[in-house]
Amino acid sequence: MTDEGPEPGSMITVSVGVAAYQGSRDAEEVVRDADRALYRAKALGRNRTALDDGSAASAAS
């Protein structure tokens, strides 16, 4: 990679974790869930998106 951007022919990949704010959850919980979803997306491979399924929130309740 150079200061001008990636080298020609190289690929940039992105993995994303998504969590939604719902009701009484605080921002810290949403970020924690998004982070967990991000690591799940990374475990699935490159260029993945993982949605938090809320299982941690229901397990904690």
N, C-alpha and C. Protein backbone atom coordinates (compact mmCIF):
# COMPACT_ATOMS: atom_id res chain seq x y z
N MET A 1 0.85 -1.17 0.00
CA MET A 1 0.00 0.00 0.00
C MET A 1 0.89 1.24 0.00
N THR A 2 0.52 2.21 -0.77
CA THR A 2 1.28 3.46 -0.83
C THR A 2 0.45 4.57 -0.21
N ASP A 3 1.05 5.75 -0.10
CA ASP A 3 0.31 6.90 0.44
C ASP A 3 -0.85 7.31 -0.47
N GLU A 4 -0.79 6.93 -1.74
CA GLU A 4 -1.83 7.28 -2.68
C GLU A 4 -3.00 6.31 -2.66
N GLY A 5 -2.90 5.23 -1.94
CA GLY A 5 -3.97 4.25 -1.88
C GLY A 5 -3.42 2.86 -2.11
N PRO A 6 -4.31 1.88 -2.23
CA PRO A 6 -3.86 0.51 -2.42
C PRO A 6 -3.18 0.33 -3.78
N GLU A 7 -2.32 -0.65 -3.82
CA GLU A 7 -1.64 -0.96 -5.07
C GLU A 7 -2.64 -1.48 -6.08
N PRO A 8 -2.43 -1.18 -7.37
CA PRO A 8 -3.34 -1.71 -8.40
C PRO A 8 -3.46 -3.23 -8.30
N GLY A 9 -4.66 -3.73 -8.40
CA GLY A 9 -4.89 -5.16 -8.35
C GLY A 9 -5.11 -5.70 -6.95
N SER A 10 -4.84 -4.90 -5.91
CA SER A 10 -5.07 -5.38 -4.55
C SER A 10 -6.53 -5.19 -4.17
N MET A 11 -6.97 -5.95 -3.19
CA MET A 11 -8.37 -5.88 -2.77
C MET A 11 -8.46 -5.36 -1.35
N ILE A 12 -9.50 -4.62 -1.09
CA ILE A 12 -9.82 -4.19 0.27
C ILE A 12 -11.07 -4.95 0.67
N THR A 13 -11.03 -5.56 1.84
CA THR A 13 -12.20 -6.31 2.32
C THR A 13 -12.75 -5.63 3.58
N VAL A 14 -14.03 -5.85 3.83
CA VAL A 14 -14.69 -5.24 4.98
C VAL A 14 -15.58 -6.27 5.66
N SER A 15 -15.47 -6.34 6.97
CA SER A 15 -16.40 -7.13 7.77
C SER A 15 -17.12 -6.16 8.69
N VAL A 16 -18.43 -6.38 8.89
CA VAL A 16 -19.25 -5.44 9.65
C VAL A 16 -20.10 -6.19 10.66
N GLY A 17 -20.18 -5.65 11.86
CA GLY A 17 -21.09 -6.16 12.87
C GLY A 17 -22.18 -5.13 13.12
N VAL A 18 -23.44 -5.56 13.16
CA VAL A 18 -24.57 -4.63 13.28
C VAL A 18 -25.41 -5.01 14.49
N ALA A 19 -25.77 -4.00 15.27
CA ALA A 19 -26.69 -4.19 16.39
C ALA A 19 -27.64 -3.01 16.40
N ALA A 20 -28.85 -3.23 16.86
CA ALA A 20 -29.87 -2.18 16.87
C ALA A 20 -30.18 -1.75 18.29
N TYR A 21 -30.42 -0.46 18.44
CA TYR A 21 -30.90 0.07 19.72
C TYR A 21 -32.38 -0.26 19.83
N GLN A 22 -32.76 -0.90 20.93
CA GLN A 22 -34.17 -1.27 21.12
C GLN A 22 -34.56 -1.00 22.56
N GLY A 23 -35.54 -0.15 22.74
CA GLY A 23 -36.12 0.08 24.05
C GLY A 23 -35.15 0.56 25.11
N SER A 24 -35.02 -0.21 26.18
CA SER A 24 -34.29 0.24 27.36
C SER A 24 -32.79 -0.08 27.32
N ARG A 25 -32.28 -0.61 26.23
CA ARG A 25 -30.85 -0.92 26.15
C ARG A 25 -30.05 0.37 26.16
N ASP A 26 -28.88 0.36 26.80
CA ASP A 26 -28.05 1.55 26.77
C ASP A 26 -27.01 1.42 25.67
N ALA A 27 -26.34 2.51 25.37
CA ALA A 27 -25.38 2.57 24.26
C ALA A 27 -24.26 1.55 24.45
N GLU A 28 -23.82 1.34 25.67
CA GLU A 28 -22.73 0.38 25.93
C GLU A 28 -23.14 -1.03 25.53
N GLU A 29 -24.38 -1.41 25.80
CA GLU A 29 -24.87 -2.73 25.40
C GLU A 29 -24.92 -2.87 23.88
N VAL A 30 -25.38 -1.83 23.21
CA VAL A 30 -25.48 -1.87 21.75
C VAL A 30 -24.09 -2.01 21.12
N VAL A 31 -23.12 -1.25 21.63
CA VAL A 31 -21.76 -1.33 21.11
C VAL A 31 -21.17 -2.71 21.38
N ARG A 32 -21.41 -3.25 22.55
CA ARG A 32 -20.91 -4.59 22.90
C ARG A 32 -21.51 -5.64 21.96
N ASP A 33 -22.80 -5.53 21.67
CA ASP A 33 -23.45 -6.48 20.76
C ASP A 33 -22.92 -6.34 19.34
N ALA A 34 -22.70 -5.10 18.90
CA ALA A 34 -22.14 -4.86 17.56
C ALA A 34 -20.73 -5.42 17.47
N ASP A 35 -19.95 -5.27 18.53
CA ASP A 35 -18.60 -5.80 18.55
C ASP A 35 -18.61 -7.32 18.47
N ARG A 36 -19.52 -7.95 19.20
CA ARG A 36 -19.65 -9.40 19.16
C ARG A 36 -20.04 -9.86 17.75
N ALA A 37 -20.95 -9.13 17.12
CA ALA A 37 -21.36 -9.45 15.76
C ALA A 37 -20.20 -9.25 14.78
N LEU A 38 -19.38 -8.23 15.00
CA LEU A 38 -18.21 -8.01 14.14
C LEU A 38 -17.27 -9.21 14.21
N TYR A 39 -16.98 -9.69 15.40
CA TYR A 39 -16.08 -10.84 15.51
C TYR A 39 -16.69 -12.09 14.89
N ARG A 40 -18.02 -12.22 14.97
CA ARG A 40 -18.68 -13.35 14.31
C ARG A 40 -18.54 -13.22 12.78
N ALA A 41 -18.68 -12.00 12.26
CA ALA A 41 -18.52 -11.77 10.82
C ALA A 41 -17.09 -12.10 10.39
N LYS A 42 -16.11 -11.69 11.17
CA LYS A 42 -14.70 -11.98 10.85
C LYS A 42 -14.45 -13.49 10.85
N ALA A 43 -15.07 -14.20 11.78
CA ALA A 43 -14.88 -15.65 11.86
C ALA A 43 -15.47 -16.36 10.64
N LEU A 44 -16.49 -15.75 10.02
CA LEU A 44 -17.12 -16.35 8.85
C LEU A 44 -16.32 -16.14 7.57
N GLY A 45 -15.36 -15.23 7.60
CA GLY A 45 -14.54 -14.97 6.43
C GLY A 45 -14.57 -13.50 6.03
N ARG A 46 -13.91 -13.21 4.93
CA ARG A 46 -13.84 -11.82 4.47
C ARG A 46 -15.14 -11.36 3.83
N ASN A 47 -15.32 -10.03 3.87
CA ASN A 47 -16.48 -9.40 3.24
C ASN A 47 -17.80 -9.95 3.76
N ARG A 48 -17.94 -9.97 5.06
CA ARG A 48 -19.17 -10.50 5.69
C ARG A 48 -19.82 -9.44 6.56
N THR A 49 -21.11 -9.58 6.72
CA THR A 49 -21.87 -8.75 7.65
C THR A 49 -22.60 -9.70 8.58
N ALA A 50 -22.55 -9.41 9.88
CA ALA A 50 -23.27 -10.23 10.86
C ALA A 50 -24.18 -9.31 11.67
N LEU A 51 -25.40 -9.74 11.87
CA LEU A 51 -26.38 -9.00 12.64
C LEU A 51 -26.47 -9.61 14.02
N ASP A 52 -26.43 -8.76 15.05
CA ASP A 52 -26.61 -9.24 16.41
C ASP A 52 -27.99 -9.84 16.52
N ASP A 53 -28.07 -11.06 17.03
CA ASP A 53 -29.37 -11.74 17.11
C ASP A 53 -30.08 -11.52 18.43
N GLY A 54 -29.45 -10.77 19.34
CA GLY A 54 -30.08 -10.47 20.62
C GLY A 54 -30.00 -11.59 21.62
N SER A 55 -29.29 -12.68 21.32
CA SER A 55 -29.25 -13.81 22.24
C SER A 55 -28.56 -13.46 23.55
N ALA A 56 -27.58 -12.58 23.52
CA ALA A 56 -26.91 -12.19 24.76
C ALA A 56 -27.84 -11.37 25.63
N ALA A 57 -28.65 -10.51 25.01
CA ALA A 57 -29.60 -9.70 25.77
C ALA A 57 -30.66 -10.58 26.42
N SER A 58 -31.16 -11.60 25.66
CA SER A 58 -32.17 -12.46 26.26
C SER A 58 -31.58 -13.39 27.30
N ALA A 59 -30.31 -13.75 27.16
CA ALA A 59 -29.66 -14.60 28.15
C ALA A 59 -29.43 -13.84 29.44
N ALA A 60 -29.19 -12.53 29.33
CA ALA A 60 -28.93 -11.72 30.51
C ALA A 60 -30.22 -11.36 31.26
N SER A 61 -31.35 -11.45 30.58
CA SER A 61 -32.63 -11.05 31.21
C SER A 61 -33.16 -12.11 32.13
